[in-house]
Amino acid sequence: MRLTRSLEDYRQEHLLDVGEFASYLGITEQTYRRLLIEPEKVRMTTKRQVRERIGVPPALIVELAPKPSAALQAQVQAVLDEADMLGWTAYDPDTYTPTGERFAGDGSAR
């Protein structure tokens, strides 16, 4: 399973300070800080450059992950509402198979 991580996670993984990591990414320190604070104000070409340098899909970098559309948000909310109504199914964390146990959205047993 791959998790979405922040650029700061990748920077710390490489044991680099902000200036060194920005240089590694081929951008200025100012652009790096803008990516952390206001990623929507950074050009797509710069975002692609950062993604290529890190080597993971943009959806796995918090600052580069696309914002979900209103339609997708509505679909997700509908699924959550249905699960709250019918109950959630527990899964074994090792095998990812359903355990048969059902619980409410607050975590209590059903």
Protein backbone atom coordinates (compact mmCIF):
# COMPACT_ATOMS: atom_id res chain seq x y z
CA MET A 1 0.00 0.00 0.00
CA ARG A 2 1.39 3.41 -0.94
CA LEU A 3 0.58 6.44 1.16
CA THR A 4 0.33 10.09 0.21
CA ARG A 5 3.21 12.00 1.75
CA SER A 6 4.15 15.66 2.01
CA LEU A 7 7.17 17.15 0.27
CA GLU A 8 8.51 17.66 3.79
CA ASP A 9 8.39 13.88 4.33
CA TYR A 10 10.47 13.37 1.19
CA ARG A 11 12.90 16.14 2.22
CA GLN A 12 13.46 14.61 5.65
CA GLU A 13 13.84 11.15 4.10
CA HIS A 14 16.75 12.54 2.04
CA LEU A 15 18.23 14.23 5.17
CA LEU A 16 18.41 17.60 3.38
CA ASP A 17 17.71 21.11 4.61
CA VAL A 18 15.18 23.21 2.70
CA GLY A 19 17.76 24.87 0.44
CA GLU A 20 19.45 21.57 -0.42
CA PHE A 21 16.14 19.87 -1.16
CA ALA A 22 14.95 22.75 -3.33
CA SER A 23 18.21 22.52 -5.27
CA TYR A 24 17.77 18.74 -5.58
CA LEU A 25 14.31 19.37 -7.04
CA GLY A 26 15.71 21.98 -9.43
CA ILE A 27 13.67 24.84 -7.98
CA THR A 28 14.34 27.84 -5.79
CA GLU A 29 13.83 27.77 -2.05
CA GLN A 30 11.07 30.37 -2.50
CA THR A 31 9.24 28.12 -4.98
CA TYR A 32 9.61 25.18 -2.60
CA ARG A 33 8.06 27.18 0.24
CA ARG A 34 5.25 28.29 -2.09
CA LEU A 35 4.60 24.64 -2.96
CA LEU A 36 4.15 23.91 0.74
CA ILE A 37 1.89 26.87 1.48
CA GLU A 38 0.06 27.71 -1.77
CA PRO A 39 0.59 24.89 -4.28
CA GLU A 40 -2.20 26.20 -6.51
CA LYS A 41 0.01 29.24 -7.28
CA VAL A 42 2.87 27.12 -8.64
CA ARG A 43 3.06 26.46 -12.39
CA MET A 44 2.16 22.99 -13.64
CA THR A 45 5.53 22.67 -15.36
CA THR A 46 7.26 23.20 -12.02
CA LYS A 47 4.99 20.65 -10.35
CA ARG A 48 5.77 18.11 -13.08
CA GLN A 49 9.49 18.75 -12.62
CA VAL A 50 9.21 18.13 -8.86
CA ARG A 51 7.17 14.96 -9.40
CA GLU A 52 9.65 13.60 -11.93
CA ARG A 53 12.58 14.28 -9.61
CA ILE A 54 10.90 12.51 -6.68
CA GLY A 55 9.77 9.70 -8.97
CA VAL A 56 6.25 8.99 -7.71
CA PRO A 57 2.81 9.76 -9.15
CA PRO A 58 1.55 13.24 -8.23
CA ALA A 59 -1.35 11.74 -6.29
CA LEU A 60 1.21 10.43 -3.77
CA ILE A 61 2.56 13.93 -2.99
CA VAL A 62 0.16 15.95 -0.82
CA GLU A 63 1.04 19.27 -2.43
CA LEU A 64 0.68 17.90 -5.97
CA ALA A 65 -2.38 15.69 -5.54
CA PRO A 66 -5.25 17.04 -7.64
CA LYS A 67 -8.27 18.35 -5.78
CA PRO A 68 -11.28 16.04 -6.22
CA SER A 69 -14.08 17.32 -8.44
CA ALA A 70 -17.47 18.17 -6.99
CA ALA A 71 -18.88 15.07 -8.71
CA LEU A 72 -16.29 12.79 -7.09
CA GLN A 73 -16.87 14.40 -3.69
CA ALA A 74 -20.62 13.79 -4.08
CA GLN A 75 -20.02 10.12 -4.98
CA VAL A 76 -17.77 9.60 -1.97
CA GLN A 77 -20.28 11.28 0.32
CA ALA A 78 -23.06 9.04 -1.03
CA VAL A 79 -20.98 5.93 -0.26
CA LEU A 80 -20.24 7.20 3.26
CA ASP A 81 -23.92 7.97 3.86
CA GLU A 82 -24.89 4.46 2.70
CA ALA A 83 -22.26 2.87 4.93
CA ASP A 84 -23.49 4.91 7.89
CA MET A 85 -27.03 3.72 7.18
CA LEU A 86 -26.24 0.03 6.56
CA GLY A 87 -23.17 -0.32 8.77
CA TRP A 88 -19.49 -0.60 8.01
CA THR A 89 -17.78 -3.93 7.38
CA ALA A 90 -14.63 -4.82 9.29
CA TYR A 91 -11.67 -6.24 7.33
CA ASP A 92 -8.72 -8.27 8.51
CA PRO A 93 -5.70 -5.92 8.29
CA ASP A 94 -3.37 -8.70 7.17
CA THR A 95 -5.48 -10.40 4.51
CA TYR A 96 -7.89 -7.58 3.58
CA THR A 97 -10.78 -10.05 3.74
CA PRO A 98 -14.10 -9.18 5.42
CA THR A 99 -14.42 -10.50 8.96
CA GLY A 100 -18.22 -10.42 8.91
CA GLU A 101 -18.27 -7.94 11.79
CA ARG A 102 -20.36 -4.79 11.20
CA PHE A 103 -20.14 -1.55 13.09
CA ALA A 104 -21.64 1.92 13.06
CA GLY A 105 -19.82 5.01 11.80
CA ASP A 106 -18.84 5.90 15.37
CA GLY A 107 -17.03 2.55 15.76
CA SER A 108 -19.60 0.88 17.99
CA ALA A 109 -20.68 -2.69 17.21
CA ARG A 110 -23.92 -3.19 15.27
